[in-house]
Amino acid sequence: MTEPEAGSDAGGTKNFREKRPTGGYIVNGTKCWITNGSTAATIVFTARTSYEPGAHSISSFIIKSGAPGFSAGKKEDKMGLRGSDTRFLHFD
């Protein structure tokens, strides 16, 4: 849920989805500090479905990790326990 411009405030989500004329959606934006972001086979994330303010214009989406336009960023260097992989997720 965390984003560079919004932090962990779900109502502040900036990622936006656009409906494709041929079906499906295009999502643009970044999610931050996602645990196991590079190893998950399926990704569930949130994005805005309209520009109306508030949480009612935010929906959840599901994609496969190899979907076109999706990529996981570099592994983040963490302090303390390093038992899980943490990365940024990019939607282009």
PDB file of N, CA and C in Angstrom:
ATOM      1  N   MET A   1       0.814  -1.185   0.000  1.00  0.00           N
ATOM      2  CA  MET A   1       0.000   0.000   0.000  1.00  0.00           C
ATOM      3  C   MET A   1       0.863   1.256   0.000  1.00  0.00           C
ATOM      4  N   THR A   2       2.040   1.229   0.600  1.00  0.00           N
ATOM      5  CA  THR A   2       2.875   2.417   0.752  1.00  0.00           C
ATOM      6  C   THR A   2       3.349   2.940  -0.604  1.00  0.00           C
ATOM      7  N   GLU A   3       3.296   4.261  -0.770  1.00  0.00           N
ATOM      8  CA  GLU A   3       3.744   4.926  -1.992  1.00  0.00           C
ATOM      9  C   GLU A   3       4.680   6.077  -1.649  1.00  0.00           C
ATOM     10  N   PRO A   4       5.578   6.447  -2.573  1.00  0.00           N
ATOM     11  CA  PRO A   4       6.531   7.515  -2.280  1.00  0.00           C
ATOM     12  C   PRO A   4       5.870   8.839  -1.876  1.00  0.00           C
ATOM     13  N   GLU A   5       4.769   9.228  -2.513  1.00  0.00           N
ATOM     14  CA  GLU A   5       4.135  10.513  -2.239  1.00  0.00           C
ATOM     15  C   GLU A   5       3.073  10.451  -1.149  1.00  0.00           C
ATOM     16  N   ALA A   6       2.612   9.257  -0.796  1.00  0.00           N
ATOM     17  CA  ALA A   6       1.480   9.137   0.128  1.00  0.00           C
ATOM     18  C   ALA A   6       1.819   8.437   1.431  1.00  0.00           C
ATOM     19  N   GLY A   7       2.964   7.807   1.526  1.00  0.00           N
ATOM     20  CA  GLY A   7       3.266   7.026   2.713  1.00  0.00           C
ATOM     21  C   GLY A   7       2.321   5.838   2.804  1.00  0.00           C
ATOM     22  N   SER A   8       1.931   5.469   4.020  1.00  0.00           N
ATOM     23  CA  SER A   8       1.023   4.336   4.221  1.00  0.00           C
ATOM     24  C   SER A   8      -0.432   4.766   4.370  1.00  0.00           C
ATOM     25  N   ASP A   9      -0.732   6.005   4.025  1.00  0.00           N
ATOM     26  CA  ASP A   9      -2.101   6.519   4.082  1.00  0.00           C
ATOM     27  C   ASP A   9      -2.881   6.018   2.873  1.00  0.00           C
ATOM     28  N   ALA A  10      -3.772   5.053   3.069  1.00  0.00           N
ATOM     29  CA  ALA A  10      -4.520   4.470   1.950  1.00  0.00           C
ATOM     30  C   ALA A  10      -5.308   5.524   1.186  1.00  0.00           C
ATOM     31  N   GLY A  11      -5.865   6.494   1.879  1.00  0.00           N
ATOM     32  CA  GLY A  11      -6.639   7.547   1.217  1.00  0.00           C
ATOM     33  C   GLY A  11      -5.784   8.462   0.377  1.00  0.00           C
ATOM     34  N   GLY A  12      -4.472   8.425   0.572  1.00  0.00           N
ATOM     35  CA  GLY A  12      -3.570   9.270  -0.195  1.00  0.00           C
ATOM     36  C   GLY A  12      -2.991   8.583  -1.414  1.00  0.00           C
ATOM     37  N   THR A  13      -3.515   7.420  -1.770  1.00  0.00           N
ATOM     38  CA  THR A  13      -3.010   6.656  -2.916  1.00  0.00           C
ATOM     39  C   THR A  13      -2.935   7.530  -4.159  1.00  0.00           C
ATOM     40  N   LYS A  14      -1.795   7.472  -4.868  1.00  0.00           N
ATOM     41  CA  LYS A  14      -1.590   8.248  -6.091  1.00  0.00           C
ATOM     42  C   LYS A  14      -1.583   7.370  -7.336  1.00  0.00           C
ATOM     43  N   ASN A  15      -1.218   6.065  -7.186  1.00  0.00           N
ATOM     44  CA  ASN A  15      -1.230   5.184  -8.356  1.00  0.00           C
ATOM     45  C   ASN A  15      -2.606   5.264  -9.008  1.00  0.00           C
ATOM     46  N   PHE A  16      -2.619   5.323 -10.343  1.00  0.00           N
ATOM     47  CA  PHE A  16      -3.889   5.473 -11.048  1.00  0.00           C
ATOM     48  C   PHE A  16      -3.997   4.432 -12.142  1.00  0.00           C
ATOM     49  N   ARG A  17      -5.191   3.925 -12.328  1.00  0.00           N
ATOM     50  CA  ARG A  17      -5.425   2.953 -13.397  1.00  0.00           C
ATOM     51  C   ARG A  17      -6.249   3.618 -14.490  1.00  0.00           C
ATOM     52  N   GLU A  18      -5.943   3.252 -15.719  1.00  0.00           N
ATOM     53  CA  GLU A  18      -6.718   3.716 -16.868  1.00  0.00           C
ATOM     54  C   GLU A  18      -7.232   2.491 -17.596  1.00  0.00           C
ATOM     55  N   LYS A  19      -8.489   2.530 -17.982  1.00  0.00           N
ATOM     56  CA  LYS A  19      -9.071   1.409 -18.715  1.00  0.00           C
ATOM     57  C   LYS A  19      -8.585   1.445 -20.165  1.00  0.00           C
ATOM     58  N   ARG A  20      -8.139   0.305 -20.666  1.00  0.00           N
ATOM     59  CA  ARG A  20      -7.675   0.199 -22.048  1.00  0.00           C
ATOM     60  C   ARG A  20      -8.859   0.005 -22.969  1.00  0.00           C
ATOM     61  N   PRO A  21      -8.845   0.609 -24.141  1.00  0.00           N
ATOM     62  CA  PRO A  21      -9.956   0.433 -25.088  1.00  0.00           C
ATOM     63  C   PRO A  21     -10.145  -1.031 -25.511  1.00  0.00           C
ATOM     64  N   THR A  22      -9.056  -1.813 -25.471  1.00  0.00           N
ATOM     65  CA  THR A  22      -9.115  -3.220 -25.873  1.00  0.00           C
ATOM     66  C   THR A  22      -9.431  -4.147 -24.707  1.00  0.00           C
ATOM     67  N   GLY A  23      -9.678  -3.580 -23.521  1.00  0.00           N
ATOM     68  CA  GLY A  23      -9.964  -4.374 -22.331  1.00  0.00           C
ATOM     69  C   GLY A  23      -8.785  -4.379 -21.371  1.00  0.00           C
ATOM     70  N   GLY A  24      -9.058  -4.590 -20.114  1.00  0.00           N
ATOM     71  CA  GLY A  24      -8.016  -4.583 -19.096  1.00  0.00           C
ATOM     72  C   GLY A  24      -7.679  -3.168 -18.660  1.00  0.00           C
ATOM     73  N   TYR A  25      -6.585  -3.032 -17.908  1.00  0.00           N
ATOM     74  CA  TYR A  25      -6.208  -1.744 -17.338  1.00  0.00           C
ATOM     75  C   TYR A  25      -4.723  -1.496 -17.504  1.00  0.00           C
ATOM     76  N   ILE A  26      -4.357  -0.227 -17.475  1.00  0.00           N
ATOM     77  CA  ILE A  26      -2.970   0.202 -17.395  1.00  0.00           C
ATOM     78  C   ILE A  26      -2.826   0.906 -16.055  1.00  0.00           C
ATOM     79  N   VAL A  27      -1.817   0.529 -15.275  1.00  0.00           N
ATOM     80  CA  VAL A  27      -1.577   1.155 -13.971  1.00  0.00           C
ATOM     81  C   VAL A  27      -0.206   1.810 -14.005  1.00  0.00           C
ATOM     82  N   ASN A  28      -0.127   3.034 -13.506  1.00  0.00           N
ATOM     83  CA  ASN A  28       1.146   3.745 -13.427  1.00  0.00           C
ATOM     84  C   ASN A  28       1.425   4.121 -11.986  1.00  0.00           C
ATOM     85  N   GLY A  29       2.679   3.979 -11.562  1.00  0.00           N
ATOM     86  CA  GLY A  29       3.055   4.376 -10.209  1.00  0.00           C
ATOM     87  C   GLY A  29       4.023   3.401  -9.572  1.00  0.00           C
ATOM     88  N   THR A  30       4.267   3.609  -8.282  1.00  0.00           N
ATOM     89  CA  THR A  30       5.230   2.813  -7.524  1.00  0.00           C
ATOM     90  C   THR A  30       4.681   2.484  -6.147  1.00  0.00           C
ATOM     91  N   LYS A  31       4.938   1.290  -5.670  1.00  0.00           N
ATOM     92  CA  LYS A  31       4.653   0.886  -4.291  1.00  0.00           C
ATOM     93  C   LYS A  31       5.996   0.668  -3.603  1.00  0.00           C
ATOM     94  N   CYS A  32       6.083   1.023  -2.329  1.00  0.00           N
ATOM     95  CA  CYS A  32       7.368   1.008  -1.614  1.00  0.00           C
ATOM     96  C   CYS A  32       7.424  -0.069  -0.539  1.00  0.00           C
ATOM     97  N   TRP A  33       8.617  -0.557  -0.293  1.00  0.00           N
ATOM     98  CA  TRP A  33       8.929  -1.456   0.823  1.00  0.00           C
ATOM     99  C   TRP A  33       7.984  -2.657   0.875  1.00  0.00           C
ATOM    100  N   ILE A  34       7.885  -3.350  -0.240  1.00  0.00           N
ATOM    101  CA  ILE A  34       6.988  -4.503  -0.342  1.00  0.00           C
ATOM    102  C   ILE A  34       7.752  -5.780   0.000  1.00  0.00           C
ATOM    103  N   THR A  35       7.303  -6.464   1.040  1.00  0.00           N
ATOM    104  CA  THR A  35       7.934  -7.704   1.483  1.00  0.00           C
ATOM    105  C   THR A  35       7.703  -8.794   0.448  1.00  0.00           C
ATOM    106  N   ASN A  36       8.764  -9.496   0.078  1.00  0.00           N
ATOM    107  CA  ASN A  36       8.742 -10.577  -0.913  1.00  0.00           C
ATOM    108  C   ASN A  36       8.211 -10.112  -2.270  1.00  0.00           C
ATOM    109  N   GLY A  37       8.410  -8.842  -2.589  1.00  0.00           N
ATOM    110  CA  GLY A  37       7.917  -8.283  -3.847  1.00  0.00           C
ATOM    111  C   GLY A  37       8.520  -8.899  -5.089  1.00  0.00           C
ATOM    112  N   SER A  38       9.716  -9.452  -4.975  1.00  0.00           N
ATOM    113  CA  SER A  38      10.345 -10.054  -6.157  1.00  0.00           C
ATOM    114  C   SER A  38      10.116 -11.552  -6.246  1.00  0.00           C
ATOM    115  N   THR A  39       9.595 -12.178  -5.193  1.00  0.00           N
ATOM    116  CA  THR A  39       9.429 -13.628  -5.199  1.00  0.00           C
ATOM    117  C   THR A  39       7.970 -14.061  -5.328  1.00  0.00           C
ATOM    118  N   ALA A  40       7.032 -13.148  -5.125  1.00  0.00           N
ATOM    119  CA  ALA A  40       5.607 -13.499  -5.204  1.00  0.00           C
ATOM    120  C   ALA A  40       5.208 -13.794  -6.648  1.00  0.00           C
ATOM    121  N   ALA A  41       4.384 -14.804  -6.843  1.00  0.00           N
ATOM    122  CA  ALA A  41       3.882 -15.138  -8.179  1.00  0.00           C
ATOM    123  C   ALA A  41       2.690 -14.265  -8.547  1.00  0.00           C
ATOM    124  N   THR A  42       1.957 -13.812  -7.545  1.00  0.00           N
ATOM    125  CA  THR A  42       0.771 -12.979  -7.749  1.00  0.00           C
ATOM    126  C   THR A  42       0.881 -11.754  -6.850  1.00  0.00           C
ATOM    127  N   ILE A  43       0.544 -10.597  -7.385  1.00  0.00           N
ATOM    128  CA  ILE A  43       0.631  -9.337  -6.654  1.00  0.00           C
ATOM    129  C   ILE A  43      -0.767  -8.747  -6.498  1.00  0.00           C
ATOM    130  N   VAL A  44      -1.133  -8.366  -5.282  1.00  0.00           N
ATOM    131  CA  VAL A  44      -2.392  -7.651  -5.016  1.00  0.00           C
ATOM    132  C   VAL A  44      -2.005  -6.250  -4.575  1.00  0.00           C
ATOM    133  N   PHE A  45      -2.552  -5.228  -5.240  1.00  0.00           N
ATOM    134  CA  PHE A  45      -2.193  -3.845  -4.932  1.00  0.00           C
ATOM    135  C   PHE A  45      -3.418  -2.943  -5.102  1.00  0.00           C
ATOM    136  N   THR A  46      -3.301  -1.721  -4.612  1.00  0.00           N
ATOM    137  CA  THR A  46      -4.394  -0.758  -4.743  1.00  0.00           C
ATOM    138  C   THR A  46      -4.004   0.357  -5.702  1.00  0.00           C
ATOM    139  N   ALA A  47      -5.022   0.921  -6.358  1.00  0.00           N
ATOM    140  CA  ALA A  47      -4.823   2.063  -7.259  1.00  0.00           C
ATOM    141  C   ALA A  47      -6.125   2.857  -7.329  1.00  0.00           C
ATOM    142  N   ARG A  48      -6.005   4.118  -7.648  1.00  0.00           N
ATOM    143  CA  ARG A  48      -7.184   4.973  -7.818  1.00  0.00           C
ATOM    144  C   ARG A  48      -7.915   4.610  -9.103  1.00  0.00           C
ATOM    145  N   THR A  49      -9.237   4.638  -9.030  1.00  0.00           N
ATOM    146  CA  THR A  49     -10.059   4.372 -10.204  1.00  0.00           C
ATOM    147  C   THR A  49     -10.739   5.641 -10.705  1.00  0.00           C
ATOM    148  N   SER A  50     -10.616   6.739  -9.959  1.00  0.00           N
ATOM    149  CA  SER A  50     -11.098   8.047 -10.401  1.00  0.00           C
ATOM    150  C   SER A  50     -10.315   9.111  -9.653  1.00  0.00           C
ATOM    151  N   TYR A  51     -10.451  10.336 -10.092  1.00  0.00           N
ATOM    152  CA  TYR A  51      -9.730  11.436  -9.443  1.00  0.00           C
ATOM    153  C   TYR A  51     -10.517  12.058  -8.292  1.00  0.00           C
ATOM    154  N   GLU A  52     -11.670  11.485  -7.953  1.00  0.00           N
ATOM    155  CA  GLU A  52     -12.443  11.988  -6.822  1.00  0.00           C
ATOM    156  C   GLU A  52     -11.648  11.781  -5.532  1.00  0.00           C
ATOM    157  N   PRO A  53     -11.677  12.764  -4.626  1.00  0.00           N
ATOM    158  CA  PRO A  53     -10.930  12.605  -3.371  1.00  0.00           C
ATOM    159  C   PRO A  53     -11.546  11.525  -2.477  1.00  0.00           C
ATOM    160  N   GLY A  54     -10.727  10.988  -1.581  1.00  0.00           N
ATOM    161  CA  GLY A  54     -11.219  10.007  -0.618  1.00  0.00           C
ATOM    162  C   GLY A  54     -10.964   8.582  -1.029  1.00  0.00           C
ATOM    163  N   ALA A  55     -11.299   7.688  -0.111  1.00  0.00           N
ATOM    164  CA  ALA A  55     -11.004   6.264  -0.286  1.00  0.00           C
ATOM    165  C   ALA A  55     -11.998   5.536  -1.193  1.00  0.00           C
ATOM    166  N   HIS A  56     -13.144   6.125  -1.496  1.00  0.00           N
ATOM    167  CA  HIS A  56     -14.148   5.434  -2.320  1.00  0.00           C
ATOM    168  C   HIS A  56     -13.716   5.289  -3.777  1.00  0.00           C
ATOM    169  N   SER A  57     -12.668   5.983  -4.182  1.00  0.00           N
ATOM    170  CA  SER A  57     -12.193   5.870  -5.557  1.00  0.00           C
ATOM    171  C   SER A  57     -10.929   4.997  -5.644  1.00  0.00           C
ATOM    172  N   ILE A  58     -10.720   4.128  -4.641  1.00  0.00           N
ATOM    173  CA  ILE A  58      -9.560   3.233  -4.623  1.00  0.00           C
ATOM    174  C   ILE A  58     -10.045   1.788  -4.691  1.00  0.00           C
ATOM    175  N   SER A  59      -9.430   1.006  -5.576  1.00  0.00           N
ATOM    176  CA  SER A  59      -9.791  -0.405  -5.737  1.00  0.00           C
ATOM    177  C   SER A  59      -8.550  -1.273  -5.657  1.00  0.00           C
ATOM    178  N   SER A  60      -8.755  -2.560  -5.411  1.00  0.00           N
ATOM    179  CA  SER A  60      -7.663  -3.530  -5.404  1.00  0.00           C
ATOM    180  C   SER A  60      -7.590  -4.218  -6.755  1.00  0.00           C
ATOM    181  N   PHE A  61      -6.370  -4.546  -7.180  1.00  0.00           N
ATOM    182  CA  PHE A  61      -6.134  -5.224  -8.445  1.00  0.00           C
ATOM    183  C   PHE A  61      -5.216  -6.407  -8.190  1.00  0.00           C
ATOM    184  N   ILE A  62      -5.300  -7.418  -9.054  1.00  0.00           N
ATOM    185  CA  ILE A  62      -4.477  -8.617  -8.951  1.00  0.00           C
ATOM    186  C   ILE A  62      -3.762  -8.802 -10.283  1.00  0.00           C
ATOM    187  N   ILE A  63      -2.431  -9.006 -10.239  1.00  0.00           N
ATOM    188  CA  ILE A  63      -1.675  -9.296 -11.455  1.00  0.00           C
ATOM    189  C   ILE A  63      -0.686 -10.422 -11.184  1.00  0.00           C
ATOM    190  N   LYS A  64      -0.235 -11.059 -12.249  1.00  0.00           N
ATOM    191  CA  LYS A  64       0.858 -12.031 -12.174  1.00  0.00           C
ATOM    192  C   LYS A  64       2.166 -11.248 -12.188  1.00  0.00           C
ATOM    193  N   SER A  65       3.174 -11.747 -11.503  1.00  0.00           N
ATOM    194  CA  SER A  65       4.420 -11.002 -11.366  1.00  0.00           C
ATOM    195  C   SER A  65       5.129 -10.749 -12.698  1.00  0.00           C
ATOM    196  N   GLY A  66       4.895 -11.533 -13.719  1.00  0.00           N
ATOM    197  CA  GLY A  66       5.546 -11.332 -15.016  1.00  0.00           C
ATOM    198  C   GLY A  66       4.745 -10.476 -15.981  1.00  0.00           C
ATOM    199  N   ALA A  67       3.709  -9.787 -15.506  1.00  0.00           N
ATOM    200  CA  ALA A  67       2.841  -8.996 -16.382  1.00  0.00           C
ATOM    201  C   ALA A  67       3.631  -7.877 -17.068  1.00  0.00           C
ATOM    202  N   PRO A  68       3.309  -7.569 -18.331  1.00  0.00           N
ATOM    203  CA  PRO A  68       3.985  -6.472 -19.028  1.00  0.00           C
ATOM    204  C   PRO A  68       3.820  -5.151 -18.263  1.00  0.00           C
ATOM    205  N   GLY A  69       4.912  -4.391 -18.140  1.00  0.00           N
ATOM    206  CA  GLY A  69       4.867  -3.109 -17.452  1.00  0.00           C
ATOM    207  C   GLY A  69       5.106  -3.186 -15.959  1.00  0.00           C
ATOM    208  N   PHE A  70       5.183  -4.392 -15.407  1.00  0.00           N
ATOM    209  CA  PHE A  70       5.427  -4.557 -13.973  1.00  0.00           C
ATOM    210  C   PHE A  70       6.880  -4.960 -13.756  1.00  0.00           C
ATOM    211  N   SER A  71       7.534  -4.353 -12.765  1.00  0.00           N
ATOM    212  CA  SER A  71       8.899  -4.763 -12.414  1.00  0.00           C
ATOM    213  C   SER A  71       9.142  -4.522 -10.931  1.00  0.00           C
ATOM    214  N   ALA A  72      10.032  -5.311 -10.367  1.00  0.00           N
ATOM    215  CA  ALA A  72      10.448  -5.142  -8.977  1.00  0.00           C
ATOM    216  C   ALA A  72      11.793  -4.428  -8.990  1.00  0.00           C
ATOM    217  N   GLY A  73      11.960  -3.452  -8.103  1.00  0.00           N
ATOM    218  CA  GLY A  73      13.200  -2.695  -8.015  1.00  0.00           C
ATOM    219  C   GLY A  73      14.300  -3.477  -7.321  1.00  0.00           C
ATOM    220  N   LYS A  74      15.377  -2.783  -7.009  1.00  0.00           N
ATOM    221  CA  LYS A  74      16.517  -3.430  -6.358  1.00  0.00           C
ATOM    222  C   LYS A  74      16.163  -3.841  -4.936  1.00  0.00           C
ATOM    223  N   LYS A  75      16.851  -4.838  -4.435  1.00  0.00           N
ATOM    224  CA  LYS A  75      16.653  -5.292  -3.066  1.00  0.00           C
ATOM    225  C   LYS A  75      17.102  -4.195  -2.109  1.00  0.00           C
ATOM    226  N   GLU A  76      16.244  -3.823  -1.175  1.00  0.00           N
ATOM    227  CA  GLU A  76      16.554  -2.765  -0.214  1.00  0.00           C
ATOM    228  C   GLU A  76      17.490  -3.294   0.866  1.00  0.00           C
ATOM    229  N   ASP A  77      18.457  -2.480   1.248  1.00  0.00           N
ATOM    230  CA  ASP A  77      19.383  -2.834   2.317  1.00  0.00           C
ATOM    231  C   ASP A  77      18.728  -2.441   3.630  1.00  0.00           C
ATOM    232  N   LYS A  78      18.467  -3.424   4.497  1.00  0.00           N
ATOM    233  CA  LYS A  78      17.747  -3.171   5.745  1.00  0.00           C
ATOM    234  C   LYS A  78      18.652  -3.376   6.943  1.00  0.00           C
ATOM    235  N   MET A  79      18.294  -2.736   8.035  1.00  0.00           N
ATOM    236  CA  MET A  79      18.991  -2.967   9.303  1.00  0.00           C
ATOM    237  C   MET A  79      18.349  -4.154  10.008  1.00  0.00           C
ATOM    238  N   GLY A  80      19.078  -4.805  10.891  1.00  0.00           N
ATOM    239  CA  GLY A  80      18.503  -5.867  11.706  1.00  0.00           C
ATOM    240  C   GLY A  80      18.206  -7.121  10.919  1.00  0.00           C
ATOM    241  N   LEU A  81      17.048  -7.714  11.187  1.00  0.00           N
ATOM    242  CA  LEU A  81      16.669  -8.981  10.554  1.00  0.00           C
ATOM    243  C   LEU A  81      16.506  -8.808   9.049  1.00  0.00           C
ATOM    244  N   ARG A  82      17.071  -9.737   8.311  1.00  0.00           N
ATOM    245  CA  ARG A  82      17.018  -9.659   6.842  1.00  0.00           C
ATOM    246  C   ARG A  82      16.428 -10.939   6.263  1.00  0.00           C
ATOM    247  N   GLY A  83      15.458 -11.493   6.952  1.00  0.00           N
ATOM    248  CA  GLY A  83      14.881 -12.773   6.549  1.00  0.00           C
ATOM    249  C   GLY A  83      13.932 -12.687   5.373  1.00  0.00           C
ATOM    250  N   SER A  84      13.559 -11.474   4.969  1.00  0.00           N
ATOM    251  CA  SER A  84      12.648 -11.351   3.834  1.00  0.00           C
ATOM    252  C   SER A  84      13.193 -10.312   2.858  1.00  0.00           C
ATOM    253  N   ASP A  85      12.868 -10.525   1.613  1.00  0.00           N
ATOM    254  CA  ASP A  85      13.263  -9.633   0.529  1.00  0.00           C
ATOM    255  C   ASP A  85      12.304  -8.443   0.504  1.00  0.00           C
ATOM    256  N   THR A  86      12.821  -7.220   0.449  1.00  0.00           N
ATOM    257  CA  THR A  86      11.975  -6.025   0.419  1.00  0.00           C
ATOM    258  C   THR A  86      12.385  -5.169  -0.767  1.00  0.00           C
ATOM    259  N   ARG A  87      11.398  -4.776  -1.591  1.00  0.00           N
ATOM    260  CA  ARG A  87      11.687  -4.023  -2.818  1.00  0.00           C
ATOM    261  C   ARG A  87      10.575  -3.017  -3.117  1.00  0.00           C
ATOM    262  N   PHE A  88      10.877  -2.078  -4.010  1.00  0.00           N
ATOM    263  CA  PHE A  88       9.855  -1.213  -4.588  1.00  0.00           C
ATOM    264  C   PHE A  88       9.241  -1.978  -5.763  1.00  0.00           C
ATOM    265  N   LEU A  89       7.970  -1.762  -6.025  1.00  0.00           N
ATOM    266  CA  LEU A  89       7.298  -2.330  -7.182  1.00  0.00           C
ATOM    267  C   LEU A  89       6.936  -1.198  -8.120  1.00  0.00           C
ATOM    268  N   HIS A  90       7.233  -1.381  -9.408  1.00  0.00           N
ATOM    269  CA  HIS A  90       6.996  -0.328 -10.397  1.00  0.00           C
ATOM    270  C   HIS A  90       5.962  -0.771 -11.425  1.00  0.00           C
ATOM    271  N   PHE A  91       5.024   0.095 -11.690  1.00  0.00           N
ATOM    272  CA  PHE A  91       3.986  -0.154 -12.702  1.00  0.00           C
ATOM    273  C   PHE A  91       4.133   0.922 -13.775  1.00  0.00           C
ATOM    274  N   ASP A  92       4.454   0.516 -14.981  1.00  0.00           N
ATOM    275  CA  ASP A  92       4.646   1.473 -16.088  1.00  0.00           C
ATOM    276  C   ASP A  92       3.734   1.151 -17.247  1.00  0.00           C
TER     277      ASP A  92
END
